[in-house]
Amino acid sequence: MLFGSRLAEGAELRGLEPWQAAEFLAHIDEARANIEPYVSFVDVVVDEQGAREFLQRYAERQAADSGRLYGIWLEGKLVGGLLFRTFEVRTGCCEIGAWLSAEAEGRGLITRAVQQLIDWAIEVRGMNRIEWRCFTTNERSAAVAKRLGMTLEGTLRQDFPYRGEVHDSQVWAMIRDDWEHRPWK
């Protein structure tokens, strides 16, 4: 996915890079209230330097083939994103994460974008296992995993410290065979 791909009318998924730090910061500031209960990087993306450093870390991870970061634009405005939080080519396992501003919810953008990332990871990169993790309280995120046909493999109790609390996380996963035999292909 070099340039971008269409998600829906007026919506596009494309790479998010360090030179877009100001746009990324403006998006995070606008979406902060909606995503901060679940997205820990909001605590480091508080100014343009923090935004640039976060984007640079993912640019370096992409160069090392260990992670990637994408933005979702709706009518030319950055409204969300996805990332390969982990990308382990050696083991064939990766984890996808996502966030979205409130104004863009309910359009299926995350589900369609994750479908594209799963297709790319499995078909192009040969990954075997795609994981999706979310706090047990994040019903919208769990709903995405369900729509994609992922399997809830379990709950990791008190595995994610965030803002002074330790949260439980659900682990959802899809393996290559599940994806290749999905009924809605």
N, C-alpha and C. Protein backbone atom coordinates (compact mmCIF):
# COMPACT_ATOMS: atom_id res chain seq x y z
N MET A 1 0.86 -1.17 0.00
CA MET A 1 0.00 0.00 0.00
C MET A 1 0.91 1.24 0.00
N LEU A 2 1.30 1.66 -1.16
CA LEU A 2 2.26 2.76 -1.27
C LEU A 2 1.58 4.11 -1.10
N PHE A 3 0.52 4.38 -1.81
CA PHE A 3 -0.08 5.69 -1.75
C PHE A 3 -1.36 5.68 -0.93
N GLY A 4 -2.38 5.03 -1.38
CA GLY A 4 -3.62 5.01 -0.63
C GLY A 4 -4.63 4.08 -1.27
N SER A 5 -5.64 3.78 -0.50
CA SER A 5 -6.70 2.95 -1.04
C SER A 5 -8.04 3.47 -0.55
N ARG A 6 -9.02 3.32 -1.38
CA ARG A 6 -10.37 3.80 -1.10
C ARG A 6 -11.05 2.89 -0.07
N LEU A 7 -11.67 3.50 0.93
CA LEU A 7 -12.45 2.76 1.92
C LEU A 7 -13.94 2.87 1.66
N ALA A 8 -14.35 4.04 1.21
CA ALA A 8 -15.75 4.34 0.92
C ALA A 8 -15.75 5.64 0.13
N GLU A 9 -16.91 6.07 -0.30
CA GLU A 9 -17.00 7.35 -1.01
C GLU A 9 -16.43 8.45 -0.12
N GLY A 10 -15.38 9.11 -0.60
CA GLY A 10 -14.77 10.21 0.13
C GLY A 10 -13.84 9.79 1.26
N ALA A 11 -13.59 8.50 1.42
CA ALA A 11 -12.74 8.01 2.52
C ALA A 11 -11.57 7.23 1.95
N GLU A 12 -10.39 7.48 2.51
CA GLU A 12 -9.17 6.87 2.01
C GLU A 12 -8.26 6.46 3.16
N LEU A 13 -7.57 5.35 2.98
CA LEU A 13 -6.56 4.85 3.90
C LEU A 13 -5.21 5.06 3.24
N ARG A 14 -4.28 5.70 3.94
CA ARG A 14 -2.93 5.88 3.39
C ARG A 14 -1.93 6.04 4.52
N GLY A 15 -0.67 5.94 4.17
CA GLY A 15 0.40 6.04 5.16
C GLY A 15 0.36 7.37 5.90
N LEU A 16 0.78 7.32 7.15
CA LEU A 16 0.86 8.51 8.01
C LEU A 16 2.32 8.67 8.39
N GLU A 17 2.92 9.79 8.02
CA GLU A 17 4.37 9.96 8.11
C GLU A 17 4.76 11.19 8.93
N PRO A 18 6.04 11.26 9.36
CA PRO A 18 6.49 12.35 10.23
C PRO A 18 6.21 13.75 9.69
N TRP A 19 6.27 13.94 8.38
CA TRP A 19 6.04 15.28 7.83
C TRP A 19 4.60 15.75 8.05
N GLN A 20 3.71 14.83 8.48
CA GLN A 20 2.32 15.17 8.73
C GLN A 20 2.04 15.42 10.21
N ALA A 21 3.07 15.73 10.97
CA ALA A 21 2.94 15.87 12.43
C ALA A 21 1.90 16.92 12.83
N ALA A 22 1.87 18.06 12.17
CA ALA A 22 0.91 19.11 12.54
C ALA A 22 -0.53 18.64 12.31
N GLU A 23 -0.76 17.99 11.18
CA GLU A 23 -2.10 17.47 10.87
C GLU A 23 -2.48 16.37 11.87
N PHE A 24 -1.53 15.50 12.19
CA PHE A 24 -1.76 14.41 13.14
C PHE A 24 -2.11 14.98 14.52
N LEU A 25 -1.35 15.96 14.98
CA LEU A 25 -1.62 16.59 16.27
C LEU A 25 -3.00 17.23 16.29
N ALA A 26 -3.36 17.95 15.24
CA ALA A 26 -4.68 18.59 15.18
C ALA A 26 -5.78 17.53 15.27
N HIS A 27 -5.59 16.42 14.57
CA HIS A 27 -6.57 15.32 14.63
C HIS A 27 -6.66 14.75 16.04
N ILE A 28 -5.52 14.46 16.65
CA ILE A 28 -5.53 13.87 18.00
C ILE A 28 -6.17 14.84 18.98
N ASP A 29 -5.85 16.12 18.89
CA ASP A 29 -6.47 17.10 19.79
C ASP A 29 -7.99 17.10 19.64
N GLU A 30 -8.47 17.00 18.42
CA GLU A 30 -9.91 17.00 18.17
C GLU A 30 -10.57 15.69 18.62
N ALA A 31 -9.87 14.58 18.45
CA ALA A 31 -10.44 13.26 18.77
C ALA A 31 -10.13 12.81 20.20
N ARG A 32 -9.29 13.55 20.90
CA ARG A 32 -8.76 13.13 22.21
C ARG A 32 -9.84 12.60 23.16
N ALA A 33 -10.91 13.33 23.35
CA ALA A 33 -11.94 12.92 24.31
C ALA A 33 -12.56 11.57 23.93
N ASN A 34 -12.66 11.31 22.64
CA ASN A 34 -13.28 10.06 22.17
C ASN A 34 -12.33 8.86 22.29
N ILE A 35 -11.03 9.10 22.11
CA ILE A 35 -10.11 7.96 22.05
C ILE A 35 -9.26 7.77 23.29
N GLU A 36 -9.11 8.80 24.13
CA GLU A 36 -8.17 8.67 25.23
C GLU A 36 -8.52 7.59 26.26
N PRO A 37 -9.77 7.17 26.42
CA PRO A 37 -9.97 6.07 27.37
C PRO A 37 -9.30 4.76 26.93
N TYR A 38 -8.93 4.66 25.65
CA TYR A 38 -8.43 3.39 25.12
C TYR A 38 -7.09 3.47 24.40
N VAL A 39 -6.65 4.66 24.02
CA VAL A 39 -5.46 4.82 23.18
C VAL A 39 -4.37 5.53 23.97
N SER A 40 -3.36 4.78 24.36
CA SER A 40 -2.35 5.33 25.26
C SER A 40 -1.43 6.36 24.62
N PHE A 41 -1.26 6.36 23.29
CA PHE A 41 -0.33 7.32 22.71
C PHE A 41 -0.83 8.76 22.79
N VAL A 42 -2.09 8.99 23.18
CA VAL A 42 -2.57 10.36 23.32
C VAL A 42 -1.78 11.11 24.39
N ASP A 43 -1.18 10.39 25.31
CA ASP A 43 -0.40 11.03 26.37
C ASP A 43 0.95 11.54 25.90
N VAL A 44 1.44 11.07 24.75
CA VAL A 44 2.72 11.56 24.22
C VAL A 44 2.51 12.50 23.04
N VAL A 45 1.36 12.44 22.41
CA VAL A 45 1.06 13.33 21.29
C VAL A 45 0.30 14.53 21.85
N VAL A 46 1.05 15.42 22.48
CA VAL A 46 0.45 16.60 23.12
C VAL A 46 0.94 17.91 22.50
N ASP A 47 1.95 17.81 21.65
CA ASP A 47 2.47 18.98 20.92
C ASP A 47 3.05 18.46 19.61
N GLU A 48 3.46 19.39 18.76
CA GLU A 48 3.93 18.96 17.44
C GLU A 48 5.20 18.11 17.53
N GLN A 49 6.07 18.41 18.47
CA GLN A 49 7.28 17.60 18.63
C GLN A 49 6.91 16.17 19.05
N GLY A 50 6.00 16.03 19.99
CA GLY A 50 5.56 14.69 20.41
C GLY A 50 4.91 13.93 19.27
N ALA A 51 4.12 14.65 18.46
CA ALA A 51 3.48 14.01 17.30
C ALA A 51 4.52 13.55 16.30
N ARG A 52 5.49 14.41 16.03
CA ARG A 52 6.54 14.06 15.07
C ARG A 52 7.36 12.87 15.58
N GLU A 53 7.69 12.86 16.86
CA GLU A 53 8.48 11.75 17.43
C GLU A 53 7.70 10.44 17.36
N PHE A 54 6.39 10.50 17.64
CA PHE A 54 5.58 9.29 17.54
C PHE A 54 5.55 8.78 16.11
N LEU A 55 5.30 9.66 15.16
CA LEU A 55 5.27 9.28 13.75
C LEU A 55 6.64 8.78 13.28
N GLN A 56 7.70 9.40 13.78
CA GLN A 56 9.05 8.97 13.42
C GLN A 56 9.35 7.56 13.92
N ARG A 57 8.90 7.26 15.14
CA ARG A 57 9.09 5.89 15.67
C ARG A 57 8.45 4.86 14.74
N TYR A 58 7.26 5.19 14.22
CA TYR A 58 6.61 4.24 13.30
C TYR A 58 7.27 4.23 11.93
N ALA A 59 7.82 5.34 11.49
CA ALA A 59 8.58 5.35 10.24
C ALA A 59 9.80 4.44 10.38
N GLU A 60 10.46 4.50 11.52
CA GLU A 60 11.62 3.65 11.77
C GLU A 60 11.20 2.19 11.89
N ARG A 61 10.06 1.95 12.53
CA ARG A 61 9.57 0.58 12.64
C ARG A 61 9.20 0.03 11.25
N GLN A 62 8.63 0.89 10.40
CA GLN A 62 8.33 0.43 9.04
C GLN A 62 9.61 0.10 8.30
N ALA A 63 10.63 0.94 8.43
CA ALA A 63 11.91 0.68 7.77
C ALA A 63 12.54 -0.62 8.29
N ALA A 64 12.30 -0.95 9.55
CA ALA A 64 12.83 -2.18 10.14
C ALA A 64 11.88 -3.36 9.95
N ASP A 65 10.75 -3.13 9.28
CA ASP A 65 9.74 -4.16 9.02
C ASP A 65 9.17 -4.73 10.32
N SER A 66 8.92 -3.83 11.29
CA SER A 66 8.40 -4.29 12.58
C SER A 66 7.14 -3.53 13.01
N GLY A 67 6.60 -2.70 12.16
CA GLY A 67 5.39 -1.95 12.47
C GLY A 67 5.06 -1.00 11.34
N ARG A 68 3.84 -0.51 11.32
CA ARG A 68 3.40 0.43 10.28
C ARG A 68 2.27 1.28 10.84
N LEU A 69 2.08 2.44 10.25
CA LEU A 69 1.06 3.37 10.71
C LEU A 69 0.34 3.96 9.50
N TYR A 70 -1.00 3.99 9.59
CA TYR A 70 -1.83 4.50 8.51
C TYR A 70 -2.85 5.49 9.05
N GLY A 71 -3.24 6.43 8.21
CA GLY A 71 -4.30 7.36 8.56
C GLY A 71 -5.54 7.10 7.73
N ILE A 72 -6.67 7.51 8.27
CA ILE A 72 -7.93 7.47 7.54
C ILE A 72 -8.36 8.91 7.31
N TRP A 73 -8.54 9.26 6.04
CA TRP A 73 -9.00 10.59 5.68
C TRP A 73 -10.42 10.49 5.15
N LEU A 74 -11.27 11.39 5.63
CA LEU A 74 -12.65 11.47 5.18
C LEU A 74 -12.86 12.87 4.62
N GLU A 75 -13.20 12.94 3.35
CA GLU A 75 -13.35 14.23 2.67
C GLU A 75 -12.12 15.12 2.88
N GLY A 76 -10.94 14.50 2.83
CA GLY A 76 -9.68 15.23 2.94
C GLY A 76 -9.22 15.55 4.35
N LYS A 77 -9.97 15.14 5.35
CA LYS A 77 -9.63 15.43 6.75
C LYS A 77 -9.22 14.14 7.46
N LEU A 78 -8.11 14.19 8.18
CA LEU A 78 -7.65 13.04 8.96
C LEU A 78 -8.63 12.81 10.11
N VAL A 79 -9.24 11.61 10.15
CA VAL A 79 -10.26 11.32 11.17
C VAL A 79 -9.96 10.07 11.99
N GLY A 80 -8.87 9.39 11.69
CA GLY A 80 -8.55 8.19 12.45
C GLY A 80 -7.33 7.51 11.88
N GLY A 81 -7.06 6.33 12.38
CA GLY A 81 -5.91 5.61 11.89
C GLY A 81 -5.85 4.18 12.38
N LEU A 82 -4.90 3.49 11.82
CA LEU A 82 -4.63 2.10 12.18
C LEU A 82 -3.13 1.93 12.24
N LEU A 83 -2.73 0.93 12.99
CA LEU A 83 -1.32 0.62 13.05
C LEU A 83 -1.12 -0.87 13.24
N PHE A 84 0.01 -1.31 12.74
CA PHE A 84 0.49 -2.63 13.11
C PHE A 84 1.34 -2.36 14.34
N ARG A 85 0.74 -2.57 15.51
CA ARG A 85 1.45 -2.32 16.77
C ARG A 85 2.63 -3.26 16.89
N THR A 86 2.44 -4.50 16.47
CA THR A 86 3.54 -5.45 16.35
C THR A 86 3.46 -6.05 14.95
N PHE A 87 4.61 -6.42 14.42
CA PHE A 87 4.68 -7.03 13.10
C PHE A 87 5.91 -7.92 13.09
N GLU A 88 5.73 -9.19 13.37
CA GLU A 88 6.83 -10.15 13.52
C GLU A 88 6.87 -11.08 12.32
N VAL A 89 7.64 -10.72 11.32
CA VAL A 89 7.71 -11.51 10.10
C VAL A 89 8.24 -12.91 10.41
N ARG A 90 9.21 -13.01 11.29
CA ARG A 90 9.83 -14.30 11.62
C ARG A 90 8.80 -15.29 12.15
N THR A 91 7.88 -14.82 13.00
CA THR A 91 6.88 -15.71 13.59
C THR A 91 5.56 -15.72 12.82
N GLY A 92 5.40 -14.75 11.90
CA GLY A 92 4.16 -14.67 11.12
C GLY A 92 2.99 -14.13 11.93
N CYS A 93 3.27 -13.33 12.94
CA CYS A 93 2.23 -12.81 13.83
C CYS A 93 2.31 -11.29 13.90
N CYS A 94 1.14 -10.65 13.86
CA CYS A 94 1.09 -9.20 14.00
C CYS A 94 -0.16 -8.80 14.77
N GLU A 95 -0.15 -7.58 15.25
CA GLU A 95 -1.31 -7.04 15.96
C GLU A 95 -1.71 -5.72 15.33
N ILE A 96 -2.99 -5.58 15.05
CA ILE A 96 -3.53 -4.35 14.49
C ILE A 96 -4.28 -3.59 15.58
N GLY A 97 -4.10 -2.28 15.60
CA GLY A 97 -4.85 -1.41 16.49
C GLY A 97 -5.47 -0.29 15.67
N ALA A 98 -6.49 0.38 16.22
CA ALA A 98 -7.17 1.43 15.46
C ALA A 98 -7.77 2.46 16.40
N TRP A 99 -8.04 3.63 15.85
CA TRP A 99 -8.76 4.67 16.56
C TRP A 99 -9.53 5.50 15.53
N LEU A 100 -10.55 6.20 16.01
CA LEU A 100 -11.39 7.00 15.11
C LEU A 100 -12.02 8.14 15.88
N SER A 101 -12.11 9.29 15.25
CA SER A 101 -12.80 10.42 15.87
C SER A 101 -14.31 10.16 15.86
N ALA A 102 -15.01 10.77 16.79
CA ALA A 102 -16.46 10.55 16.93
C ALA A 102 -17.22 10.90 15.65
N GLU A 103 -16.79 11.95 14.96
CA GLU A 103 -17.49 12.40 13.75
C GLU A 103 -17.49 11.36 12.64
N ALA A 104 -16.54 10.42 12.66
CA ALA A 104 -16.43 9.43 11.59
C ALA A 104 -16.98 8.06 11.98
N GLU A 105 -17.48 7.92 13.18
CA GLU A 105 -18.00 6.63 13.63
C GLU A 105 -19.27 6.26 12.88
N GLY A 106 -19.55 4.96 12.85
CA GLY A 106 -20.80 4.47 12.28
C GLY A 106 -20.82 4.36 10.77
N ARG A 107 -19.66 4.49 10.13
CA ARG A 107 -19.58 4.42 8.66
C ARG A 107 -18.89 3.14 8.17
N GLY A 108 -18.41 2.33 9.09
CA GLY A 108 -17.71 1.10 8.73
C GLY A 108 -16.28 1.31 8.27
N LEU A 109 -15.73 2.49 8.53
CA LEU A 109 -14.39 2.79 8.05
C LEU A 109 -13.33 1.91 8.70
N ILE A 110 -13.41 1.71 10.00
CA ILE A 110 -12.42 0.88 10.68
C ILE A 110 -12.51 -0.56 10.18
N THR A 111 -13.70 -1.09 10.10
CA THR A 111 -13.86 -2.48 9.64
C THR A 111 -13.27 -2.66 8.25
N ARG A 112 -13.59 -1.76 7.32
CA ARG A 112 -13.06 -1.88 5.96
C ARG A 112 -11.54 -1.69 5.93
N ALA A 113 -11.04 -0.75 6.73
CA ALA A 113 -9.58 -0.52 6.76
C ALA A 113 -8.86 -1.74 7.34
N VAL A 114 -9.40 -2.31 8.40
CA VAL A 114 -8.76 -3.50 8.98
C VAL A 114 -8.80 -4.66 7.99
N GLN A 115 -9.89 -4.80 7.25
CA GLN A 115 -9.95 -5.84 6.21
C GLN A 115 -8.80 -5.68 5.22
N GLN A 116 -8.54 -4.45 4.81
CA GLN A 116 -7.45 -4.21 3.86
C GLN A 116 -6.09 -4.55 4.48
N LEU A 117 -5.90 -4.19 5.75
CA LEU A 117 -4.63 -4.50 6.40
C LEU A 117 -4.45 -6.01 6.57
N ILE A 118 -5.53 -6.71 6.92
CA ILE A 118 -5.44 -8.17 7.05
C ILE A 118 -5.12 -8.79 5.70
N ASP A 119 -5.82 -8.36 4.65
CA ASP A 119 -5.52 -8.87 3.30
C ASP A 119 -4.04 -8.69 2.97
N TRP A 120 -3.54 -7.49 3.18
CA TRP A 120 -2.14 -7.19 2.87
C TRP A 120 -1.20 -8.05 3.70
N ALA A 121 -1.46 -8.13 5.01
CA ALA A 121 -0.57 -8.90 5.89
C ALA A 121 -0.53 -10.37 5.51
N ILE A 122 -1.67 -10.94 5.19
CA ILE A 122 -1.73 -12.36 4.86
C ILE A 122 -1.30 -12.63 3.41
N GLU A 123 -1.90 -11.90 2.47
CA GLU A 123 -1.67 -12.20 1.06
C GLU A 123 -0.31 -11.70 0.55
N VAL A 124 0.12 -10.53 0.98
CA VAL A 124 1.37 -9.97 0.48
C VAL A 124 2.55 -10.35 1.36
N ARG A 125 2.37 -10.26 2.67
CA ARG A 125 3.49 -10.48 3.59
C ARG A 125 3.57 -11.88 4.16
N GLY A 126 2.55 -12.69 3.94
CA GLY A 126 2.60 -14.07 4.37
C GLY A 126 2.40 -14.29 5.86
N MET A 127 1.78 -13.32 6.53
CA MET A 127 1.51 -13.50 7.96
C MET A 127 0.50 -14.61 8.17
N ASN A 128 0.58 -15.26 9.30
CA ASN A 128 -0.33 -16.36 9.60
C ASN A 128 -1.34 -15.99 10.68
N ARG A 129 -0.99 -15.09 11.57
CA ARG A 129 -1.85 -14.76 12.70
C ARG A 129 -1.96 -13.25 12.86
N ILE A 130 -3.20 -12.78 12.92
CA ILE A 130 -3.49 -11.37 13.12
C ILE A 130 -4.20 -11.24 14.46
N GLU A 131 -3.67 -10.41 15.34
CA GLU A 131 -4.30 -10.20 16.64
C GLU A 131 -4.94 -8.82 16.71
N TRP A 132 -5.95 -8.74 17.55
CA TRP A 132 -6.67 -7.49 17.84
C TRP A 132 -6.89 -7.51 19.35
N ARG A 133 -6.37 -6.52 20.05
CA ARG A 133 -6.51 -6.46 21.50
C ARG A 133 -7.26 -5.20 21.88
N CYS A 134 -8.12 -5.33 22.87
CA CYS A 134 -8.85 -4.16 23.34
C CYS A 134 -9.21 -4.34 24.82
N PHE A 135 -9.38 -3.22 25.49
CA PHE A 135 -9.85 -3.28 26.87
C PHE A 135 -11.21 -3.97 26.88
N THR A 136 -11.51 -4.68 27.93
CA THR A 136 -12.80 -5.36 28.02
C THR A 136 -13.96 -4.37 28.03
N THR A 137 -13.69 -3.13 28.36
CA THR A 137 -14.73 -2.10 28.40
C THR A 137 -14.95 -1.43 27.03
N ASN A 138 -14.12 -1.74 26.05
CA ASN A 138 -14.22 -1.09 24.74
C ASN A 138 -15.11 -1.92 23.81
N GLU A 139 -16.41 -1.74 23.96
CA GLU A 139 -17.38 -2.53 23.20
C GLU A 139 -17.30 -2.27 21.70
N ARG A 140 -17.02 -1.04 21.30
CA ARG A 140 -16.94 -0.73 19.86
C ARG A 140 -15.77 -1.48 19.21
N SER A 141 -14.66 -1.57 19.91
CA SER A 141 -13.51 -2.27 19.38
C SER A 141 -13.78 -3.77 19.28
N ALA A 142 -14.40 -4.32 20.31
CA ALA A 142 -14.75 -5.75 20.27
C ALA A 142 -15.73 -6.03 19.13
N ALA A 143 -16.61 -5.09 18.86
CA ALA A 143 -17.58 -5.26 17.77
C ALA A 143 -16.88 -5.34 16.41
N VAL A 144 -15.80 -4.59 16.24
CA VAL A 144 -15.04 -4.67 14.99
C VAL A 144 -14.47 -6.07 14.83
N ALA A 145 -13.87 -6.59 15.89
CA ALA A 145 -13.29 -7.94 15.84
C ALA A 145 -14.36 -8.98 15.49
N LYS A 146 -15.54 -8.83 16.08
CA LYS A 146 -16.63 -9.77 15.78
C LYS A 146 -17.05 -9.68 14.32
N ARG A 147 -17.21 -8.44 13.80
CA ARG A 147 -17.62 -8.26 12.40
C ARG A 147 -16.61 -8.88 11.45
N LEU A 148 -15.34 -8.86 11.82
CA LEU A 148 -14.30 -9.41 10.97
C LEU A 148 -14.20 -10.94 11.07
N GLY A 149 -14.95 -11.53 11.99
CA GLY A 149 -14.92 -12.98 12.16
C GLY A 149 -13.77 -13.47 13.02
N MET A 150 -13.20 -12.58 13.80
CA MET A 150 -12.11 -12.99 14.69
C MET A 150 -12.67 -13.82 15.85
N THR A 151 -11.81 -14.60 16.44
CA THR A 151 -12.16 -15.45 17.57
C THR A 151 -11.67 -14.80 18.85
N LEU A 152 -12.54 -14.71 19.84
CA LEU A 152 -12.13 -14.23 21.15
C LEU A 152 -11.39 -15.37 21.83
N GLU A 153 -10.08 -15.20 22.00
CA GLU A 153 -9.26 -16.27 22.56
C GLU A 153 -9.17 -16.20 24.07
N GLY A 154 -9.49 -15.04 24.64
CA GLY A 154 -9.45 -14.95 26.08
C GLY A 154 -9.26 -13.54 26.58
N THR A 155 -9.21 -13.43 27.88
CA THR A 155 -9.00 -12.15 28.54
C THR A 155 -7.72 -12.21 29.35
N LEU A 156 -6.87 -11.25 29.13
CA LEU A 156 -5.65 -11.11 29.93
C LEU A 156 -6.00 -10.21 31.10
N ARG A 157 -5.98 -10.78 32.28
CA ARG A 157 -6.38 -10.02 33.45
C ARG A 157 -5.26 -9.08 33.89
N GLN A 158 -5.64 -7.84 34.10
CA GLN A 158 -4.74 -6.80 34.59
C GLN A 158 -3.40 -6.78 33.87
N ASP A 159 -3.47 -6.73 32.54
CA ASP A 159 -2.23 -6.79 31.75
C ASP A 159 -1.78 -5.44 31.20
N PHE A 160 -2.62 -4.40 31.28
CA PHE A 160 -2.27 -3.14 30.63
C PHE A 160 -2.42 -1.96 31.59
N PRO A 161 -1.29 -1.50 32.16
CA PRO A 161 -1.37 -0.32 33.02
C PRO A 161 -1.54 0.95 32.18
N TYR A 162 -2.53 1.76 32.55
CA TYR A 162 -2.80 2.98 31.80
C TYR A 162 -3.47 3.97 32.73
N ARG A 163 -2.81 5.11 32.88
CA ARG A 163 -3.33 6.21 33.68
C ARG A 163 -3.69 5.81 35.10
N GLY A 164 -2.77 5.10 35.73
CA GLY A 164 -2.93 4.75 37.13
C GLY A 164 -3.83 3.56 37.41
N GLU A 165 -4.35 2.93 36.39
CA GLU A 165 -5.17 1.73 36.56
C GLU A 165 -4.57 0.61 35.73
N VAL A 166 -4.85 -0.61 36.14
CA VAL A 166 -4.41 -1.77 35.36
C VAL A 166 -5.67 -2.39 34.77
N HIS A 167 -5.71 -2.45 33.44
CA HIS A 167 -6.91 -2.88 32.72
C HIS A 167 -6.80 -4.32 32.25
N ASP A 168 -7.96 -4.96 32.13
CA ASP A 168 -8.06 -6.28 31.50
C ASP A 168 -8.18 -6.07 29.99
N SER A 169 -7.58 -6.97 29.23
CA SER A 169 -7.64 -6.88 27.77
C SER A 169 -8.18 -8.16 27.17
N GLN A 170 -9.01 -7.99 26.16
CA GLN A 170 -9.46 -9.14 25.37
C GLN A 170 -8.45 -9.37 24.25
N VAL A 171 -8.22 -10.63 23.94
CA VAL A 171 -7.36 -10.99 22.81
C VAL A 171 -8.24 -11.68 21.78
N TRP A 172 -8.36 -11.04 20.63
CA TRP A 172 -9.07 -11.59 19.48
C TRP A 172 -8.02 -11.96 18.45
N ALA A 173 -8.29 -12.99 17.66
CA ALA A 173 -7.31 -13.36 16.63
C ALA A 173 -7.99 -14.00 15.43
N MET A 174 -7.28 -13.89 14.34
CA MET A 174 -7.67 -14.51 13.08
C MET A 174 -6.41 -15.15 12.54
N ILE A 175 -6.54 -16.41 12.10
CA ILE A 175 -5.41 -17.05 11.46
C ILE A 175 -5.68 -17.14 9.96
N ARG A 176 -4.63 -17.39 9.22
CA ARG A 176 -4.71 -17.41 7.76
C ARG A 176 -5.88 -18.28 7.28
N ASP A 177 -6.03 -19.46 7.81
CA ASP A 177 -7.08 -20.36 7.37
C ASP A 177 -8.47 -19.75 7.59
N ASP A 178 -8.66 -19.08 8.74
CA ASP A 178 -9.94 -18.40 9.00
C ASP A 178 -10.22 -17.36 7.92
N TRP A 179 -9.21 -16.56 7.60
CA TRP A 179 -9.37 -15.47 6.64
C TRP A 179 -9.65 -16.01 5.24
N GLU A 180 -8.91 -17.03 4.86
CA GLU A 180 -9.09 -17.59 3.52
C GLU A 180 -10.44 -18.27 3.34
N HIS A 181 -11.05 -18.71 4.43
CA HIS A 181 -12.34 -19.41 4.35
C HIS A 181 -13.50 -18.62 4.94
N ARG A 182 -13.34 -17.32 5.06
CA ARG A 182 -14.42 -16.50 5.59
C ARG A 182 -15.61 -16.52 4.63
N PRO A 183 -16.81 -16.58 5.13
CA PRO A 183 -17.99 -16.72 4.25
C PRO A 183 -18.29 -15.46 3.43
N TRP A 184 -17.88 -14.29 3.85
CA TRP A 184 -18.21 -13.05 3.16
C TRP A 184 -17.09 -12.58 2.24
N LYS A 185 -16.22 -13.47 1.85
CA LYS A 185 -15.06 -13.14 1.00
C LYS A 185 -15.45 -12.48 -0.29
